[in-house]
Amino acid sequence: MKKLTIILIILIIIAVSLPVKGKGQENYSDYQVIPDDAIRLRILANSDNEADQQIKRIVRDQVNAAITDWVADISDIEEARALLENRIPEIKDIVKRTLEEEGENRSFDVEYNDSVSFPTKIYGSYLYPAGEYEAILITIGEGEGSNWWCVLFPPLCFLDFSNGISVAEAIPGGLEEEQVDEEKGLKIKFFLLEWLGWS
């Protein structure tokens, strides 16, 4: 009888500690989800050394400022798409001028298509899956450094999605980590059942 009383007390404690629906949950309206029809901007730095990363950030600021201004009054993706396709030469000029102003004598490439590869990222409570997306891709030099990306249209570049972490960083051991061998099985013991002698 004593054991039964203890079990009831434990069950009551567990029930009381469970969150009530609507309380203690995050307000997802604080987050922006990337729409299906979106145009992204991805910039690949030459390398991960601080000087190359700084150049990437300066290029980002210049390009983003221009594009944000261009699409400010556009609400139709087809219109945004046509505008950006026509302005690729101007984007190239911005990148070239920025690199020259910074004394950077590196090659670069600017392309716009619907199959730019993006890694999986976790940003806030949202997971953005890896895949090929419509985007302007700017590659500086070798393009082997960390990238920066945001959503150009609809304008969400005030959110730096690159500050999210990769899934490999989020999961200890990364995605390469082997899962537990299913043949070995997994034995779960509940201390309460053992204590009662029911297992």
N, C-alpha and C. Protein backbone atom coordinates (compact mmCIF):
# COMPACT_ATOMS: atom_id res chain seq x y z
N MET A 1 0.83 -1.20 0.00
CA MET A 1 0.00 0.00 0.00
C MET A 1 0.87 1.26 0.00
N LYS A 2 1.98 1.16 0.73
CA LYS A 2 2.89 2.31 0.81
C LYS A 2 3.47 2.63 -0.56
N LYS A 3 3.82 1.56 -1.30
CA LYS A 3 4.36 1.75 -2.65
C LYS A 3 3.32 2.40 -3.57
N LEU A 4 2.08 1.99 -3.46
CA LEU A 4 1.01 2.55 -4.28
C LEU A 4 0.83 4.04 -4.00
N THR A 5 0.91 4.44 -2.76
CA THR A 5 0.81 5.86 -2.39
C THR A 5 1.95 6.65 -3.00
N ILE A 6 3.15 6.11 -2.93
CA ILE A 6 4.31 6.79 -3.50
C ILE A 6 4.16 6.93 -5.02
N ILE A 7 3.66 5.89 -5.66
CA ILE A 7 3.44 5.95 -7.12
C ILE A 7 2.45 7.05 -7.46
N LEU A 8 1.35 7.11 -6.71
CA LEU A 8 0.35 8.16 -6.96
C LEU A 8 0.95 9.56 -6.78
N ILE A 9 1.76 9.74 -5.76
CA ILE A 9 2.40 11.04 -5.53
C ILE A 9 3.32 11.39 -6.70
N ILE A 10 4.09 10.40 -7.16
CA ILE A 10 4.99 10.65 -8.29
C ILE A 10 4.20 11.00 -9.55
N LEU A 11 3.11 10.29 -9.80
CA LEU A 11 2.29 10.57 -10.98
C LEU A 11 1.67 11.97 -10.91
N ILE A 12 1.25 12.37 -9.73
CA ILE A 12 0.67 13.72 -9.56
C ILE A 12 1.75 14.77 -9.82
N ILE A 13 2.94 14.55 -9.32
CA ILE A 13 4.05 15.50 -9.53
C ILE A 13 4.37 15.61 -11.02
N ILE A 14 4.41 14.47 -11.72
CA ILE A 14 4.68 14.48 -13.16
C ILE A 14 3.58 15.23 -13.90
N ALA A 15 2.31 14.96 -13.56
CA ALA A 15 1.19 15.62 -14.22
C ALA A 15 1.21 17.13 -14.02
N VAL A 16 1.55 17.57 -12.82
CA VAL A 16 1.58 19.00 -12.51
C VAL A 16 2.74 19.68 -13.23
N SER A 17 3.84 18.95 -13.41
CA SER A 17 5.01 19.58 -14.04
C SER A 17 4.92 19.65 -15.56
N LEU A 18 3.99 18.92 -16.17
CA LEU A 18 3.84 18.99 -17.62
C LEU A 18 3.30 20.37 -18.02
N PRO A 19 3.83 20.94 -19.15
CA PRO A 19 3.38 22.27 -19.54
C PRO A 19 1.93 22.27 -19.98
N VAL A 20 1.24 23.31 -19.62
CA VAL A 20 -0.16 23.47 -20.04
C VAL A 20 -0.14 24.03 -21.45
N LYS A 21 -1.03 23.56 -22.29
CA LYS A 21 -1.08 24.01 -23.68
C LYS A 21 -1.20 25.53 -23.72
N GLY A 22 -0.33 26.13 -24.54
CA GLY A 22 -0.38 27.58 -24.69
C GLY A 22 0.51 28.31 -23.72
N LYS A 23 1.01 27.61 -22.69
CA LYS A 23 1.90 28.26 -21.72
C LYS A 23 3.30 27.69 -21.87
N GLY A 24 4.31 28.54 -21.71
CA GLY A 24 5.68 28.10 -21.77
C GLY A 24 6.14 27.71 -23.15
N GLN A 25 5.33 27.99 -24.17
CA GLN A 25 5.73 27.67 -25.52
C GLN A 25 6.19 28.94 -26.21
N GLU A 26 7.12 28.76 -27.17
CA GLU A 26 7.65 29.92 -27.87
C GLU A 26 6.58 30.54 -28.75
N ASN A 27 6.70 31.84 -28.92
CA ASN A 27 5.80 32.55 -29.81
C ASN A 27 6.43 32.53 -31.20
N TYR A 28 5.93 31.64 -32.06
CA TYR A 28 6.53 31.48 -33.37
C TYR A 28 6.24 32.65 -34.30
N SER A 29 5.34 33.53 -33.92
CA SER A 29 5.07 34.69 -34.76
C SER A 29 6.26 35.65 -34.75
N ASP A 30 7.21 35.43 -33.81
CA ASP A 30 8.41 36.26 -33.76
C ASP A 30 9.41 35.87 -34.84
N TYR A 31 9.18 34.73 -35.49
CA TYR A 31 10.12 34.24 -36.49
C TYR A 31 9.58 34.47 -37.89
N GLN A 32 10.49 34.59 -38.84
CA GLN A 32 10.12 34.69 -40.25
C GLN A 32 10.46 33.36 -40.91
N VAL A 33 9.51 32.82 -41.63
CA VAL A 33 9.74 31.59 -42.36
C VAL A 33 9.94 31.97 -43.83
N ILE A 34 10.92 31.34 -44.46
CA ILE A 34 11.19 31.66 -45.86
C ILE A 34 10.03 31.16 -46.72
N PRO A 35 9.42 32.06 -47.50
CA PRO A 35 8.31 31.64 -48.37
C PRO A 35 8.80 30.70 -49.46
N ASP A 36 7.87 29.96 -50.06
CA ASP A 36 8.24 29.06 -51.15
C ASP A 36 8.82 29.85 -52.32
N ASP A 37 8.18 30.97 -52.64
CA ASP A 37 8.68 31.84 -53.71
C ASP A 37 9.59 32.88 -53.09
N ALA A 38 10.87 32.61 -53.11
CA ALA A 38 11.82 33.53 -52.51
C ALA A 38 13.11 33.53 -53.33
N ILE A 39 13.79 34.65 -53.31
CA ILE A 39 15.08 34.77 -53.98
C ILE A 39 16.12 35.06 -52.91
N ARG A 40 17.15 34.26 -52.86
CA ARG A 40 18.16 34.40 -51.83
C ARG A 40 19.43 35.05 -52.38
N LEU A 41 20.28 35.45 -51.45
CA LEU A 41 21.61 35.96 -51.77
C LEU A 41 22.60 35.13 -50.96
N ARG A 42 23.59 34.56 -51.65
CA ARG A 42 24.61 33.79 -50.95
C ARG A 42 25.98 34.31 -51.37
N ILE A 43 26.82 34.59 -50.40
CA ILE A 43 28.16 35.09 -50.68
C ILE A 43 29.18 34.15 -50.04
N LEU A 44 30.08 33.64 -50.88
CA LEU A 44 31.14 32.74 -50.41
C LEU A 44 32.45 33.52 -50.32
N ALA A 45 33.06 33.50 -49.15
CA ALA A 45 34.34 34.16 -48.96
C ALA A 45 35.46 33.33 -49.59
N ASN A 46 36.58 33.99 -49.87
CA ASN A 46 37.74 33.29 -50.42
C ASN A 46 38.21 32.19 -49.47
N SER A 47 38.31 32.53 -48.18
CA SER A 47 38.74 31.55 -47.18
C SER A 47 38.15 31.95 -45.83
N ASP A 48 38.53 31.23 -44.79
CA ASP A 48 38.03 31.54 -43.46
C ASP A 48 38.96 32.46 -42.66
N ASN A 49 40.05 32.94 -43.27
CA ASN A 49 40.87 33.85 -42.48
C ASN A 49 40.13 35.18 -42.31
N GLU A 50 40.45 35.88 -41.25
CA GLU A 50 39.67 37.06 -40.86
C GLU A 50 39.62 38.13 -41.94
N ALA A 51 40.73 38.32 -42.66
CA ALA A 51 40.76 39.35 -43.71
C ALA A 51 39.76 39.00 -44.82
N ASP A 52 39.73 37.74 -45.23
CA ASP A 52 38.79 37.31 -46.28
C ASP A 52 37.34 37.40 -45.81
N GLN A 53 37.11 37.05 -44.54
CA GLN A 53 35.75 37.16 -44.00
C GLN A 53 35.31 38.62 -43.92
N GLN A 54 36.24 39.50 -43.60
CA GLN A 54 35.91 40.93 -43.54
C GLN A 54 35.55 41.45 -44.93
N ILE A 55 36.30 41.04 -45.95
CA ILE A 55 35.99 41.43 -47.34
C ILE A 55 34.59 40.96 -47.71
N LYS A 56 34.27 39.72 -47.33
CA LYS A 56 32.94 39.16 -47.61
C LYS A 56 31.86 40.05 -47.00
N ARG A 57 32.07 40.49 -45.75
CA ARG A 57 31.07 41.32 -45.06
C ARG A 57 30.91 42.69 -45.73
N ILE A 58 32.02 43.24 -46.22
CA ILE A 58 31.94 44.54 -46.89
C ILE A 58 31.19 44.41 -48.22
N VAL A 59 31.50 43.34 -48.97
CA VAL A 59 30.78 43.07 -50.22
C VAL A 59 29.30 42.87 -49.92
N ARG A 60 29.01 42.10 -48.90
CA ARG A 60 27.63 41.86 -48.48
C ARG A 60 26.88 43.17 -48.24
N ASP A 61 27.49 44.06 -47.48
CA ASP A 61 26.83 45.32 -47.13
C ASP A 61 26.53 46.16 -48.36
N GLN A 62 27.49 46.22 -49.29
CA GLN A 62 27.31 47.03 -50.49
C GLN A 62 26.24 46.44 -51.41
N VAL A 63 26.33 45.14 -51.65
CA VAL A 63 25.36 44.48 -52.54
C VAL A 63 23.97 44.49 -51.93
N ASN A 64 23.89 44.16 -50.66
CA ASN A 64 22.59 44.11 -50.00
C ASN A 64 21.90 45.48 -49.98
N ALA A 65 22.67 46.53 -49.75
CA ALA A 65 22.09 47.88 -49.72
C ALA A 65 21.49 48.24 -51.08
N ALA A 66 22.20 47.91 -52.15
CA ALA A 66 21.70 48.22 -53.50
C ALA A 66 20.44 47.42 -53.82
N ILE A 67 20.50 46.10 -53.58
CA ILE A 67 19.36 45.25 -53.94
C ILE A 67 18.14 45.57 -53.09
N THR A 68 18.34 45.84 -51.81
CA THR A 68 17.21 46.19 -50.93
C THR A 68 16.50 47.43 -51.47
N ASP A 69 17.27 48.38 -51.96
CA ASP A 69 16.69 49.60 -52.55
C ASP A 69 15.93 49.28 -53.83
N TRP A 70 16.48 48.40 -54.66
CA TRP A 70 15.85 48.07 -55.93
C TRP A 70 14.50 47.36 -55.75
N VAL A 71 14.40 46.47 -54.76
CA VAL A 71 13.18 45.67 -54.61
C VAL A 71 12.21 46.23 -53.57
N ALA A 72 12.53 47.38 -53.02
CA ALA A 72 11.73 47.95 -51.92
C ALA A 72 10.25 48.07 -52.24
N ASP A 73 9.92 48.46 -53.46
CA ASP A 73 8.51 48.68 -53.81
C ASP A 73 7.92 47.57 -54.68
N ILE A 74 8.59 46.45 -54.73
CA ILE A 74 8.12 45.34 -55.56
C ILE A 74 7.43 44.31 -54.69
N SER A 75 6.26 43.85 -55.13
CA SER A 75 5.53 42.83 -54.37
C SER A 75 5.32 41.54 -55.17
N ASP A 76 5.71 41.56 -56.44
CA ASP A 76 5.51 40.40 -57.31
C ASP A 76 6.86 39.73 -57.60
N ILE A 77 6.94 38.42 -57.38
CA ILE A 77 8.22 37.73 -57.55
C ILE A 77 8.70 37.75 -58.99
N GLU A 78 7.77 37.70 -59.94
CA GLU A 78 8.18 37.73 -61.35
C GLU A 78 8.84 39.05 -61.68
N GLU A 79 8.30 40.13 -61.15
CA GLU A 79 8.89 41.45 -61.35
C GLU A 79 10.27 41.53 -60.70
N ALA A 80 10.38 40.99 -59.49
CA ALA A 80 11.67 40.98 -58.78
C ALA A 80 12.69 40.15 -59.54
N ARG A 81 12.25 39.02 -60.05
CA ARG A 81 13.13 38.12 -60.81
C ARG A 81 13.67 38.82 -62.06
N ALA A 82 12.78 39.45 -62.80
CA ALA A 82 13.19 40.15 -64.03
C ALA A 82 14.17 41.28 -63.70
N LEU A 83 13.86 42.04 -62.65
CA LEU A 83 14.72 43.16 -62.26
C LEU A 83 16.12 42.67 -61.89
N LEU A 84 16.20 41.61 -61.07
CA LEU A 84 17.50 41.10 -60.63
C LEU A 84 18.30 40.51 -61.78
N GLU A 85 17.62 39.79 -62.67
CA GLU A 85 18.32 39.24 -63.84
C GLU A 85 18.94 40.36 -64.67
N ASN A 86 18.20 41.45 -64.86
CA ASN A 86 18.69 42.58 -65.66
C ASN A 86 19.81 43.36 -64.96
N ARG A 87 19.87 43.25 -63.63
CA ARG A 87 20.85 44.05 -62.88
C ARG A 87 22.09 43.26 -62.44
N ILE A 88 22.24 42.06 -62.93
CA ILE A 88 23.44 41.28 -62.61
C ILE A 88 24.72 42.05 -63.00
N PRO A 89 24.75 42.70 -64.18
CA PRO A 89 25.96 43.49 -64.51
C PRO A 89 26.25 44.58 -63.46
N GLU A 90 25.19 45.21 -62.93
CA GLU A 90 25.39 46.23 -61.89
C GLU A 90 25.92 45.62 -60.60
N ILE A 91 25.42 44.42 -60.28
CA ILE A 91 25.91 43.73 -59.07
C ILE A 91 27.39 43.40 -59.24
N LYS A 92 27.77 42.95 -60.45
CA LYS A 92 29.18 42.67 -60.73
C LYS A 92 30.02 43.94 -60.55
N ASP A 93 29.49 45.07 -61.02
CA ASP A 93 30.21 46.34 -60.87
C ASP A 93 30.39 46.71 -59.40
N ILE A 94 29.34 46.46 -58.60
CA ILE A 94 29.42 46.76 -57.16
C ILE A 94 30.50 45.91 -56.50
N VAL A 95 30.52 44.62 -56.82
CA VAL A 95 31.51 43.71 -56.24
C VAL A 95 32.92 44.14 -56.67
N LYS A 96 33.09 44.41 -57.97
CA LYS A 96 34.39 44.80 -58.50
C LYS A 96 34.88 46.08 -57.83
N ARG A 97 34.02 47.09 -57.76
CA ARG A 97 34.38 48.38 -57.15
C ARG A 97 34.74 48.19 -55.67
N THR A 98 33.94 47.39 -54.96
CA THR A 98 34.18 47.16 -53.53
C THR A 98 35.52 46.49 -53.31
N LEU A 99 35.83 45.46 -54.09
CA LEU A 99 37.12 44.77 -53.95
C LEU A 99 38.28 45.72 -54.25
N GLU A 100 38.11 46.55 -55.29
CA GLU A 100 39.17 47.51 -55.63
C GLU A 100 39.38 48.52 -54.51
N GLU A 101 38.27 49.02 -53.94
CA GLU A 101 38.37 50.00 -52.85
C GLU A 101 39.07 49.41 -51.63
N GLU A 102 38.93 48.10 -51.45
CA GLU A 102 39.56 47.43 -50.31
C GLU A 102 40.97 46.94 -50.64
N GLY A 103 41.44 47.26 -51.84
CA GLY A 103 42.78 46.85 -52.24
C GLY A 103 42.89 45.35 -52.46
N GLU A 104 41.77 44.74 -52.78
CA GLU A 104 41.69 43.28 -52.93
C GLU A 104 41.75 42.94 -54.42
N ASN A 105 42.78 42.22 -54.81
CA ASN A 105 42.97 41.89 -56.22
C ASN A 105 42.60 40.43 -56.47
N ARG A 106 41.36 40.09 -56.17
CA ARG A 106 40.90 38.71 -56.34
C ARG A 106 39.87 38.62 -57.46
N SER A 107 39.82 37.45 -58.05
CA SER A 107 38.76 37.21 -59.02
C SER A 107 37.46 37.01 -58.25
N PHE A 108 36.35 37.12 -58.96
CA PHE A 108 35.05 36.88 -58.34
C PHE A 108 34.08 36.46 -59.42
N ASP A 109 32.98 35.90 -59.00
CA ASP A 109 31.95 35.46 -59.93
C ASP A 109 30.58 35.80 -59.35
N VAL A 110 29.68 36.25 -60.21
CA VAL A 110 28.30 36.53 -59.80
C VAL A 110 27.39 35.77 -60.74
N GLU A 111 26.54 34.93 -60.18
CA GLU A 111 25.58 34.20 -61.01
C GLU A 111 24.21 34.22 -60.38
N TYR A 112 23.21 34.08 -61.23
CA TYR A 112 21.82 34.06 -60.75
C TYR A 112 21.09 32.92 -61.43
N ASN A 113 20.69 31.94 -60.63
CA ASN A 113 19.91 30.84 -61.19
C ASN A 113 19.08 30.18 -60.11
N ASP A 114 18.34 29.16 -60.49
CA ASP A 114 17.44 28.51 -59.52
C ASP A 114 18.02 27.23 -58.94
N SER A 115 19.32 27.04 -59.09
CA SER A 115 19.92 25.82 -58.55
C SER A 115 21.22 26.10 -57.79
N VAL A 116 21.16 27.11 -56.93
CA VAL A 116 22.31 27.43 -56.08
C VAL A 116 22.20 26.55 -54.83
N SER A 117 23.26 25.83 -54.52
CA SER A 117 23.25 24.89 -53.39
C SER A 117 23.37 25.63 -52.05
N PHE A 118 22.54 25.22 -51.10
CA PHE A 118 22.57 25.75 -49.74
C PHE A 118 22.68 24.60 -48.76
N PRO A 119 23.48 24.78 -47.70
CA PRO A 119 23.56 23.74 -46.67
C PRO A 119 22.35 23.83 -45.73
N THR A 120 22.11 22.76 -45.00
CA THR A 120 21.06 22.79 -43.99
C THR A 120 21.49 23.70 -42.85
N LYS A 121 20.59 24.55 -42.39
CA LYS A 121 20.90 25.44 -41.27
C LYS A 121 19.75 25.40 -40.26
N ILE A 122 20.12 25.59 -39.00
CA ILE A 122 19.12 25.78 -37.95
C ILE A 122 19.21 27.23 -37.54
N TYR A 123 18.08 27.93 -37.63
CA TYR A 123 18.05 29.35 -37.25
C TYR A 123 16.91 29.54 -36.27
N GLY A 124 17.23 29.89 -35.04
CA GLY A 124 16.18 29.99 -34.04
C GLY A 124 15.56 28.62 -33.86
N SER A 125 14.25 28.55 -34.00
CA SER A 125 13.54 27.28 -33.87
C SER A 125 13.22 26.65 -35.22
N TYR A 126 13.77 27.23 -36.28
CA TYR A 126 13.46 26.72 -37.61
C TYR A 126 14.65 26.03 -38.24
N LEU A 127 14.37 24.95 -38.96
CA LEU A 127 15.38 24.25 -39.70
C LEU A 127 15.15 24.56 -41.18
N TYR A 128 16.20 25.06 -41.83
CA TYR A 128 16.11 25.34 -43.26
C TYR A 128 16.85 24.24 -43.98
N PRO A 129 16.13 23.37 -44.71
CA PRO A 129 16.76 22.20 -45.31
C PRO A 129 17.74 22.55 -46.42
N ALA A 130 18.74 21.70 -46.55
CA ALA A 130 19.69 21.84 -47.66
C ALA A 130 18.94 21.64 -48.96
N GLY A 131 19.44 22.23 -50.00
CA GLY A 131 18.81 22.06 -51.30
C GLY A 131 19.32 23.08 -52.29
N GLU A 132 18.72 23.05 -53.44
CA GLU A 132 19.06 24.02 -54.48
C GLU A 132 17.92 25.01 -54.59
N TYR A 133 18.28 26.29 -54.45
CA TYR A 133 17.29 27.35 -54.41
C TYR A 133 17.63 28.47 -55.39
N GLU A 134 16.63 29.22 -55.74
CA GLU A 134 16.83 30.39 -56.60
C GLU A 134 17.61 31.43 -55.81
N ALA A 135 18.71 31.87 -56.39
CA ALA A 135 19.56 32.79 -55.64
C ALA A 135 20.57 33.49 -56.53
N ILE A 136 21.06 34.61 -56.00
CA ILE A 136 22.25 35.25 -56.56
C ILE A 136 23.41 34.71 -55.74
N LEU A 137 24.39 34.13 -56.42
CA LEU A 137 25.56 33.59 -55.75
C LEU A 137 26.78 34.42 -56.12
N ILE A 138 27.43 34.96 -55.10
CA ILE A 138 28.67 35.71 -55.31
C ILE A 138 29.81 34.89 -54.70
N THR A 139 30.77 34.54 -55.53
CA THR A 139 31.92 33.76 -55.08
C THR A 139 33.16 34.64 -55.18
N ILE A 140 33.83 34.86 -54.07
CA ILE A 140 35.03 35.69 -54.05
C ILE A 140 36.25 34.77 -54.01
N GLY A 141 37.16 34.96 -54.97
CA GLY A 141 38.38 34.15 -55.03
C GLY A 141 38.06 32.68 -55.16
N GLU A 142 38.64 31.88 -54.25
CA GLU A 142 38.45 30.43 -54.30
C GLU A 142 37.08 29.99 -53.79
N GLY A 143 36.39 30.87 -53.05
CA GLY A 143 35.07 30.52 -52.53
C GLY A 143 35.09 29.38 -51.54
N GLU A 144 36.19 29.25 -50.78
CA GLU A 144 36.32 28.13 -49.85
C GLU A 144 36.07 28.53 -48.40
N GLY A 145 35.70 29.79 -48.18
CA GLY A 145 35.44 30.25 -46.82
C GLY A 145 33.98 30.12 -46.44
N SER A 146 33.69 30.45 -45.20
CA SER A 146 32.30 30.41 -44.72
C SER A 146 31.44 31.36 -45.53
N ASN A 147 30.19 30.97 -45.68
CA ASN A 147 29.29 31.79 -46.49
C ASN A 147 28.36 32.61 -45.63
N TRP A 148 27.74 33.57 -46.26
CA TRP A 148 26.69 34.38 -45.63
C TRP A 148 25.51 34.32 -46.56
N TRP A 149 24.31 34.22 -46.00
CA TRP A 149 23.15 34.28 -46.89
C TRP A 149 21.95 34.90 -46.22
N CYS A 150 21.05 35.40 -47.04
CA CYS A 150 19.80 35.96 -46.55
C CYS A 150 18.77 35.85 -47.66
N VAL A 151 17.57 36.33 -47.43
CA VAL A 151 16.51 36.30 -48.43
C VAL A 151 16.35 37.71 -48.99
N LEU A 152 16.60 37.85 -50.29
CA LEU A 152 16.49 39.16 -50.94
C LEU A 152 15.05 39.54 -51.21
N PHE A 153 14.28 38.55 -51.65
CA PHE A 153 12.88 38.82 -51.97
C PHE A 153 12.02 37.64 -51.53
N PRO A 154 10.97 37.88 -50.73
CA PRO A 154 10.66 39.16 -50.10
C PRO A 154 11.81 39.57 -49.17
N PRO A 155 11.99 40.88 -49.00
CA PRO A 155 13.18 41.34 -48.27
C PRO A 155 13.23 40.87 -46.82
N LEU A 156 14.12 39.90 -46.56
CA LEU A 156 14.33 39.40 -45.19
C LEU A 156 15.80 39.47 -44.82
N CYS A 157 16.54 40.36 -45.49
CA CYS A 157 17.98 40.41 -45.22
C CYS A 157 18.31 41.06 -43.88
N PHE A 158 17.27 41.57 -43.19
CA PHE A 158 17.55 42.04 -41.84
C PHE A 158 17.76 40.85 -40.92
N LEU A 159 17.39 39.65 -41.40
CA LEU A 159 17.67 38.42 -40.66
C LEU A 159 18.88 37.77 -41.30
N ASP A 160 19.94 37.62 -40.56
CA ASP A 160 21.13 36.96 -41.08
C ASP A 160 21.01 35.47 -40.79
N PHE A 161 20.50 34.72 -41.78
CA PHE A 161 20.28 33.30 -41.58
C PHE A 161 21.59 32.55 -41.39
N SER A 162 22.69 33.18 -41.80
CA SER A 162 23.99 32.52 -41.64
C SER A 162 24.39 32.41 -40.19
N ASN A 163 23.76 33.20 -39.33
CA ASN A 163 24.08 33.09 -37.90
C ASN A 163 23.50 31.83 -37.29
N GLY A 164 22.67 31.15 -38.07
CA GLY A 164 22.19 29.85 -37.61
C GLY A 164 23.37 28.89 -37.60
N ILE A 165 23.16 27.74 -37.05
CA ILE A 165 24.24 26.76 -37.03
C ILE A 165 23.88 25.61 -37.95
N SER A 166 24.89 24.96 -38.47
CA SER A 166 24.64 23.84 -39.34
C SER A 166 24.13 22.67 -38.50
N VAL A 167 23.44 21.77 -39.16
CA VAL A 167 22.91 20.61 -38.45
C VAL A 167 24.07 19.79 -37.89
N ALA A 168 25.18 19.74 -38.62
CA ALA A 168 26.33 18.98 -38.13
C ALA A 168 26.85 19.56 -36.82
N GLU A 169 26.75 20.89 -36.66
CA GLU A 169 27.18 21.51 -35.41
C GLU A 169 26.16 21.27 -34.30
N ALA A 170 24.90 21.17 -34.66
CA ALA A 170 23.84 21.04 -33.67
C ALA A 170 23.78 19.66 -33.06
N ILE A 171 24.18 18.65 -33.85
CA ILE A 171 24.12 17.27 -33.37
C ILE A 171 25.53 16.85 -32.96
N PRO A 172 25.74 16.47 -31.71
CA PRO A 172 27.08 16.05 -31.29
C PRO A 172 27.62 14.96 -32.21
N GLY A 173 28.81 15.18 -32.72
CA GLY A 173 29.39 14.20 -33.65
C GLY A 173 28.97 14.44 -35.07
N GLY A 174 28.07 15.40 -35.29
CA GLY A 174 27.64 15.73 -36.64
C GLY A 174 26.75 14.68 -37.25
N LEU A 175 26.44 14.87 -38.53
CA LEU A 175 25.56 13.94 -39.22
C LEU A 175 26.27 12.62 -39.52
N GLU A 176 27.61 12.65 -39.46
CA GLU A 176 28.37 11.45 -39.78
C GLU A 176 28.30 10.43 -38.64
N GLU A 177 27.89 10.89 -37.46
CA GLU A 177 27.89 10.00 -36.29
C GLU A 177 27.01 8.79 -36.54
N GLU A 178 27.57 7.63 -36.29
CA GLU A 178 26.82 6.40 -36.51
C GLU A 178 25.74 6.26 -35.45
N GLN A 179 24.61 5.75 -35.89
CA GLN A 179 23.51 5.50 -34.97
C GLN A 179 23.79 4.19 -34.22
N VAL A 180 23.11 3.96 -33.13
CA VAL A 180 23.29 2.72 -32.37
C VAL A 180 22.91 1.54 -33.25
N ASP A 181 23.73 0.53 -33.23
CA ASP A 181 23.48 -0.66 -34.03
C ASP A 181 22.17 -1.29 -33.57
N GLU A 182 21.24 -1.43 -34.53
CA GLU A 182 19.92 -1.95 -34.18
C GLU A 182 20.00 -3.40 -33.70
N GLU A 183 21.01 -4.14 -34.19
CA GLU A 183 21.13 -5.54 -33.78
C GLU A 183 21.45 -5.67 -32.29
N LYS A 184 22.16 -4.67 -31.77
CA LYS A 184 22.50 -4.69 -30.35
C LYS A 184 21.26 -4.41 -29.51
N GLY A 185 20.33 -3.69 -30.11
CA GLY A 185 19.10 -3.37 -29.40
C GLY A 185 19.31 -2.30 -28.35
N LEU A 186 18.25 -1.86 -27.76
CA LEU A 186 18.31 -0.81 -26.74
C LEU A 186 17.44 -1.25 -25.59
N LYS A 187 18.04 -1.38 -24.42
CA LYS A 187 17.28 -1.82 -23.26
C LYS A 187 16.98 -0.61 -22.39
N ILE A 188 15.72 -0.32 -22.22
CA ILE A 188 15.31 0.81 -21.40
C ILE A 188 14.77 0.27 -20.09
N LYS A 189 15.29 0.82 -19.01
CA LYS A 189 14.83 0.39 -17.69
C LYS A 189 14.14 1.56 -17.02
N PHE A 190 13.04 1.30 -16.42
CA PHE A 190 12.34 2.31 -15.65
C PHE A 190 12.58 2.00 -14.17
N PHE A 191 13.20 2.95 -13.48
CA PHE A 191 13.57 2.69 -12.09
C PHE A 191 12.34 2.39 -11.23
N LEU A 192 11.21 2.98 -11.56
CA LEU A 192 9.99 2.78 -10.77
C LEU A 192 9.53 1.33 -10.88
N LEU A 193 9.57 0.80 -12.12
CA LEU A 193 9.14 -0.58 -12.32
C LEU A 193 10.10 -1.55 -11.63
N GLU A 194 11.42 -1.22 -11.72
CA GLU A 194 12.39 -2.08 -11.03
C GLU A 194 12.19 -2.06 -9.52
N TRP A 195 11.92 -0.85 -9.01
CA TRP A 195 11.75 -0.68 -7.58
C TRP A 195 10.55 -1.47 -7.07
N LEU A 196 9.50 -1.51 -7.92
CA LEU A 196 8.30 -2.26 -7.55
C LEU A 196 8.46 -3.75 -7.80
N GLY A 197 9.54 -4.10 -8.51
CA GLY A 197 9.75 -5.52 -8.80
C GLY A 197 8.92 -6.00 -9.97
N TRP A 198 8.49 -5.05 -10.84
CA TRP A 198 7.63 -5.44 -11.98
C TRP A 198 8.39 -5.64 -13.25
N SER A 199 9.73 -5.46 -13.23
CA SER A 199 10.46 -5.65 -14.49
C SER A 199 11.40 -6.83 -14.40
